[in-house]
C-alpha atoms as a PDB file:
ATOM      1  CA  MET A   1     -26.192  10.968   5.211  1.00  0.00           C
ATOM      2  CA  GLU A   2     -25.002  12.783   2.143  1.00  0.00           C
ATOM      3  CA  VAL A   3     -21.587  12.241   0.588  1.00  0.00           C
ATOM      4  CA  SER A   4     -20.094  15.610   1.566  1.00  0.00           C
ATOM      5  CA  LYS A   5     -20.822  14.979   5.242  1.00  0.00           C
ATOM      6  CA  ARG A   6     -19.188  11.567   4.998  1.00  0.00           C
ATOM      7  CA  MET A   7     -16.104  13.117   3.436  1.00  0.00           C
ATOM      8  CA  GLU A   8     -15.904  15.717   6.194  1.00  0.00           C
ATOM      9  CA  MET A   9     -16.088  12.955   8.792  1.00  0.00           C
ATOM     10  CA  LEU A  10     -13.080  11.229   7.276  1.00  0.00           C
ATOM     11  CA  GLU A  11     -10.955  14.332   7.891  1.00  0.00           C
ATOM     12  CA  ARG A  12      -8.464  13.354   5.243  1.00  0.00           C
ATOM     13  CA  LYS A  13      -5.125  15.070   5.099  1.00  0.00           C
ATOM     14  CA  SER A  14      -3.213  15.824   1.979  1.00  0.00           C
ATOM     15  CA  SER A  15      -0.035  13.775   1.637  1.00  0.00           C
ATOM     16  CA  ILE A  16       1.948  16.992   1.760  1.00  0.00           C
ATOM     17  CA  ASP A  17       0.693  17.502   5.328  1.00  0.00           C
ATOM     18  CA  THR A  18       2.359  14.277   6.397  1.00  0.00           C
ATOM     19  CA  GLU A  19       5.706  15.021   4.730  1.00  0.00           C
ATOM     20  CA  PRO A  20       8.564  16.328   6.866  1.00  0.00           C
ATOM     21  CA  MET A  21       8.952  20.080   6.768  1.00  0.00           C
ATOM     22  CA  THR A  22      11.822  21.490   4.728  1.00  0.00           C
ATOM     23  CA  LEU A  23      14.246  23.753   6.570  1.00  0.00           C
ATOM     24  CA  HIS A  24      14.848  27.261   5.339  1.00  0.00           C
ATOM     25  CA  PHE A  25      18.410  28.332   4.542  1.00  0.00           C
ATOM     26  CA  ASP A  26      18.752  30.360   7.769  1.00  0.00           C
ATOM     27  CA  GLN A  27      17.627  27.333   9.808  1.00  0.00           C
ATOM     28  CA  ILE A  28      20.258  25.158   8.116  1.00  0.00           C
ATOM     29  CA  GLU A  29      22.936  27.764   8.831  1.00  0.00           C
ATOM     30  CA  ASN A  30      21.848  27.932  12.473  1.00  0.00           C
ATOM     31  CA  ALA A  31      21.998  24.138  12.762  1.00  0.00           C
ATOM     32  CA  ARG A  32      25.517  24.137  11.296  1.00  0.00           C
ATOM     33  CA  GLU A  33      26.653  26.792  13.785  1.00  0.00           C
ATOM     34  CA  GLU A  34      25.176  24.834  16.692  1.00  0.00           C
ATOM     35  CA  ALA A  35      26.839  21.630  15.484  1.00  0.00           C
ATOM     36  CA  ILE A  36      30.219  23.367  15.254  1.00  0.00           C
ATOM     37  CA  CYS A  37      29.711  24.702  18.787  1.00  0.00           C
ATOM     38  CA  VAL A  38      28.972  21.183  20.074  1.00  0.00           C
ATOM     39  CA  ILE A  39      32.039  19.765  18.310  1.00  0.00           C
ATOM     40  CA  LYS A  40      34.291  22.481  19.724  1.00  0.00           C
ATOM     41  CA  THR A  41      33.000  22.341  23.322  1.00  0.00           C
ATOM     42  CA  LYS A  42      32.307  18.615  23.849  1.00  0.00           C
ATOM     43  CA  THR A  43      34.402  15.501  23.747  1.00  0.00           C
ATOM     44  CA  PHE A  44      34.062  13.254  20.719  1.00  0.00           C
ATOM     45  CA  GLN A  45      31.909  10.758  22.632  1.00  0.00           C
ATOM     46  CA  GLU A  46      29.638  13.474  24.063  1.00  0.00           C
ATOM     47  CA  ALA A  47      29.169  14.978  20.601  1.00  0.00           C
ATOM     48  CA  MET A  48      28.337  11.575  19.121  1.00  0.00           C
ATOM     49  CA  ASP A  49      25.794  10.980  21.898  1.00  0.00           C
ATOM     50  CA  ILE A  50      24.162  14.350  21.192  1.00  0.00           C
ATOM     51  CA  PHE A  51      24.026  13.837  17.423  1.00  0.00           C
ATOM     52  CA  THR A  52      22.795  10.243  17.558  1.00  0.00           C
ATOM     53  CA  LYS A  53      20.453  10.321  20.583  1.00  0.00           C
ATOM     54  CA  GLU A  54      17.214  10.176  18.573  1.00  0.00           C
ATOM     55  CA  THR A  55      18.579   7.445  16.351  1.00  0.00           C
ATOM     56  CA  GLN A  56      19.582   5.362  19.364  1.00  0.00           C
ATOM     57  CA  ASP A  57      16.172   5.904  20.996  1.00  0.00           C
ATOM     58  CA  SER A  58      14.406   4.878  17.786  1.00  0.00           C
ATOM     59  CA  LEU A  59      16.499   1.737  17.469  1.00  0.00           C
ATOM     60  CA  LYS A  60      15.806   0.798  21.099  1.00  0.00           C
ATOM     61  CA  ALA A  61      12.070   1.320  20.643  1.00  0.00           C
ATOM     62  CA  ARG A  62      12.077  -0.759  17.459  1.00  0.00           C
ATOM     63  CA  GLU A  63      13.907  -3.599  19.206  1.00  0.00           C
ATOM     64  CA  GLU A  64      11.481  -3.476  22.154  1.00  0.00           C
ATOM     65  CA  ASN A  65       8.535  -3.703  19.741  1.00  0.00           C
ATOM     66  CA  ARG A  66      10.116  -6.688  17.997  1.00  0.00           C
ATOM     67  CA  GLU A  67      10.618  -8.436  21.343  1.00  0.00           C
ATOM     68  CA  LYS A  68       7.005  -7.749  22.378  1.00  0.00           C
ATOM     69  CA  TYR A  69       5.757  -9.140  19.061  1.00  0.00           C
ATOM     70  CA  ALA A  70       7.963 -12.222  19.368  1.00  0.00           C
ATOM     71  CA  ASN A  71       6.778 -12.840  22.940  1.00  0.00           C
ATOM     72  CA  LYS A  72       3.153 -12.352  21.956  1.00  0.00           C
ATOM     73  CA  LYS A  73       3.558 -14.701  19.024  1.00  0.00           C
ATOM     74  CA  ASN A  74       5.020 -17.368  21.338  1.00  0.00           C
ATOM     75  CA  ASP A  75       2.237 -16.833  23.899  1.00  0.00           C
ATOM     76  CA  ASP A  76      -0.422 -17.268  21.227  1.00  0.00           C
ATOM     77  CA  ASP A  77       1.134 -20.489  20.016  1.00  0.00           C
ATOM     78  CA  ASP A  78      -1.246 -22.739  21.957  1.00  0.00           C
ATOM     79  CA  GLU A  79      -1.706 -26.273  20.610  1.00  0.00           C
ATOM     80  CA  GLU A  80      -5.400 -26.450  21.495  1.00  0.00           C
ATOM     81  CA  GLU A  81      -6.160 -23.169  19.743  1.00  0.00           C
ATOM     82  CA  ARG A  82      -4.468 -24.422  16.591  1.00  0.00           C
ATOM     83  CA  LEU A  83      -6.405 -27.671  16.696  1.00  0.00           C
ATOM     84  CA  VAL A  84      -9.737 -25.855  17.094  1.00  0.00           C
ATOM     85  CA  PHE A  85      -8.850 -23.620  14.147  1.00  0.00           C
ATOM     86  CA  LEU A  86      -7.930 -26.596  11.976  1.00  0.00           C
ATOM     87  CA  SER A  87     -11.071 -28.510  12.884  1.00  0.00           C
ATOM     88  CA  PRO A  88     -14.021 -27.689  10.579  1.00  0.00           C
ATOM     89  CA  HIS A  89     -16.279 -27.888  13.642  1.00  0.00           C
ATOM     90  CA  GLY A  90     -14.468 -24.853  15.115  1.00  0.00           C
ATOM     91  CA  TRP A  91     -15.198 -22.651  12.117  1.00  0.00           C
ATOM     92  CA  ASP A  92     -18.010 -20.150  11.977  1.00  0.00           C
ATOM     93  CA  ILE A  93     -19.550 -21.299   8.722  1.00  0.00           C
ATOM     94  CA  ALA A  94     -22.239 -18.588   8.662  1.00  0.00           C
ATOM     95  CA  SER A  95     -19.666 -15.800   8.507  1.00  0.00           C
ATOM     96  CA  ALA A  96     -17.251 -17.462   6.092  1.00  0.00           C
ATOM     97  CA  PRO A  97     -16.600 -15.195   3.100  1.00  0.00           C
ATOM     98  CA  PHE A  98     -16.932 -17.965   0.512  1.00  0.00           C
END
């Protein structure tokens, strides 16, 4: 397989494609107007919930991932598995990188 075909298979994206899009001035103005409308028509708590919903969801998801990782780490903490790993007879010598 030639190099150009390999490169096409990788389907690399430029770093600029992964950057967040910049808002145009009219979009910023529209967002300001919508925010003022929310502040004028909602209670303080409702407005805070609207403005911070994504942040709260992200924080919840992050905490859930941390808990899953912690639980998995505790589940994998089996004494026998550690002893097999520490024993040279449990190693796969043929595939060792050294």
